[in-house]
C-alpha atoms as a PDB file:
ATOM      1  CA  UNK A   1      -0.057  -0.054   0.640  1.00  0.00           C
ATOM      2  CA  UNK A   2       0.910   3.466  -1.319  1.00  0.00           C
ATOM      3  CA  UNK A   3       2.662   5.919   1.882  1.00  0.00           C
ATOM      4  CA  UNK A   4       3.422   9.416   1.949  1.00  0.00           C
ATOM      5  CA  UNK A   5       3.621  11.554   4.582  1.00  0.00           C
ATOM      6  CA  UNK A   6       2.844  15.366   4.209  1.00  0.00           C
ATOM      7  CA  UNK A   7       6.143  17.611   5.081  1.00  0.00           C
ATOM      8  CA  UNK A   8       5.382  21.124   5.978  1.00  0.00           C
ATOM      9  CA  UNK A   9       5.053  23.579   3.697  1.00  0.00           C
ATOM     10  CA  UNK A  10       4.201  21.356   1.391  1.00  0.00           C
ATOM     11  CA  UNK A  11       1.092  22.552  -1.456  1.00  0.00           C
ATOM     12  CA  UNK A  12      -2.004  19.396  -1.368  1.00  0.00           C
ATOM     13  CA  UNK A  13      -1.035  18.977  -5.363  1.00  0.00           C
ATOM     14  CA  UNK A  14       3.047  18.586  -4.741  1.00  0.00           C
ATOM     15  CA  UNK A  15       1.527  15.487  -2.442  1.00  0.00           C
ATOM     16  CA  UNK A  16      -0.629  14.523  -5.016  1.00  0.00           C
ATOM     17  CA  UNK A  17       2.296  14.210  -7.968  1.00  0.00           C
ATOM     18  CA  UNK A  18       4.275  11.883  -5.266  1.00  0.00           C
ATOM     19  CA  UNK A  19       1.387   9.789  -4.499  1.00  0.00           C
ATOM     20  CA  UNK A  20       1.005   8.845  -7.223  1.00  0.00           C
ATOM     21  CA  UNK A  21       4.085   8.396  -8.505  1.00  0.00           C
ATOM     22  CA  UNK A  22       4.348   5.919  -5.393  1.00  0.00           C
ATOM     23  CA  UNK A  23       1.329   4.170  -6.500  1.00  0.00           C
ATOM     24  CA  UNK A  24       2.349   3.881 -10.352  1.00  0.00           C
ATOM     25  CA  UNK A  25       5.393   2.573  -9.375  1.00  0.00           C
ATOM     26  CA  UNK A  26       4.134  -0.124  -6.907  1.00  0.00           C
ATOM     27  CA  UNK A  27       1.837  -0.900 -10.446  1.00  0.00           C
ATOM     28  CA  UNK A  28      -1.433  -1.264  -7.931  1.00  0.00           C
ATOM     29  CA  UNK A  29      -3.643   0.427 -11.096  1.00  0.00           C
ATOM     30  CA  UNK A  30      -1.908  -2.187 -13.187  1.00  0.00           C
ATOM     31  CA  UNK A  31      -2.506  -4.704 -10.811  1.00  0.00           C
ATOM     32  CA  UNK A  32      -6.659  -3.649 -10.701  1.00  0.00           C
ATOM     33  CA  UNK A  33      -6.506  -3.389 -13.673  1.00  0.00           C
ATOM     34  CA  UNK A  34      -6.508  -6.899 -14.319  1.00  0.00           C
ATOM     35  CA  UNK A  35      -8.231  -8.276 -11.953  1.00  0.00           C
ATOM     36  CA  UNK A  36     -11.150  -5.941 -12.670  1.00  0.00           C
ATOM     37  CA  UNK A  37     -12.506  -8.938 -14.778  1.00  0.00           C
ATOM     38  CA  UNK A  38     -11.939 -13.371 -14.659  1.00  0.00           C
ATOM     39  CA  UNK A  39     -10.960 -13.873 -18.248  1.00  0.00           C
ATOM     40  CA  UNK A  40     -10.191 -17.860 -19.279  1.00  0.00           C
ATOM     41  CA  UNK A  41      -6.852 -19.608 -18.950  1.00  0.00           C
ATOM     42  CA  UNK A  42      -7.974 -19.521 -23.251  1.00  0.00           C
ATOM     43  CA  UNK A  43      -8.764 -16.262 -23.179  1.00  0.00           C
ATOM     44  CA  UNK A  44      -5.434 -14.759 -21.583  1.00  0.00           C
ATOM     45  CA  UNK A  45      -3.001 -16.989 -23.940  1.00  0.00           C
ATOM     46  CA  UNK A  46      -4.512 -15.105 -26.566  1.00  0.00           C
ATOM     47  CA  UNK A  47      -4.020 -11.568 -25.377  1.00  0.00           C
ATOM     48  CA  UNK A  48      -0.704 -12.226 -24.951  1.00  0.00           C
ATOM     49  CA  UNK A  49       0.168 -14.020 -28.169  1.00  0.00           C
ATOM     50  CA  UNK A  50      -1.783 -10.482 -29.677  1.00  0.00           C
ATOM     51  CA  UNK A  51       0.609  -8.049 -27.350  1.00  0.00           C
ATOM     52  CA  UNK A  52       3.495 -10.332 -28.195  1.00  0.00           C
ATOM     53  CA  UNK A  53       2.767 -10.063 -31.827  1.00  0.00           C
ATOM     54  CA  UNK A  54       1.964  -6.907 -31.720  1.00  0.00           C
ATOM     55  CA  UNK A  55       4.991  -5.970 -29.716  1.00  0.00           C
ATOM     56  CA  UNK A  56       7.271  -7.755 -32.583  1.00  0.00           C
ATOM     57  CA  UNK A  57       5.627  -6.031 -35.427  1.00  0.00           C
ATOM     58  CA  UNK A  58       6.343  -3.071 -34.048  1.00  0.00           C
ATOM     59  CA  UNK A  59      10.172  -3.598 -32.955  1.00  0.00           C
ATOM     60  CA  UNK A  60      10.185  -4.827 -37.251  1.00  0.00           C
ATOM     61  CA  UNK A  61       8.627  -1.565 -38.587  1.00  0.00           C
ATOM     62  CA  UNK A  62      11.701   0.930 -35.788  1.00  0.00           C
ATOM     63  CA  UNK A  63      14.431  -1.375 -37.449  1.00  0.00           C
ATOM     64  CA  UNK A  64      15.557   0.468 -40.432  1.00  0.00           C
ATOM     65  CA  UNK A  65      15.815  -1.392 -43.430  1.00  0.00           C
ATOM     66  CA  UNK A  66      18.656  -3.024 -44.940  1.00  0.00           C
ATOM     67  CA  UNK A  67      18.725  -2.174 -49.577  1.00  0.00           C
END
């Protein structure tokens, strides 16, 4: 669980910014989204392979073509 201590003379905005950074670093939001609904094991495998294919396509686009 993300906790921060608000320092003296610190604005609320900066404290919220530090809190958001701490939450992002711990991966709380991604974990919550992952557990928001149930995926069957087959669906999870399918999604994982789709993401891998997208990532591979993206890395191929970034590489300069040899001509």
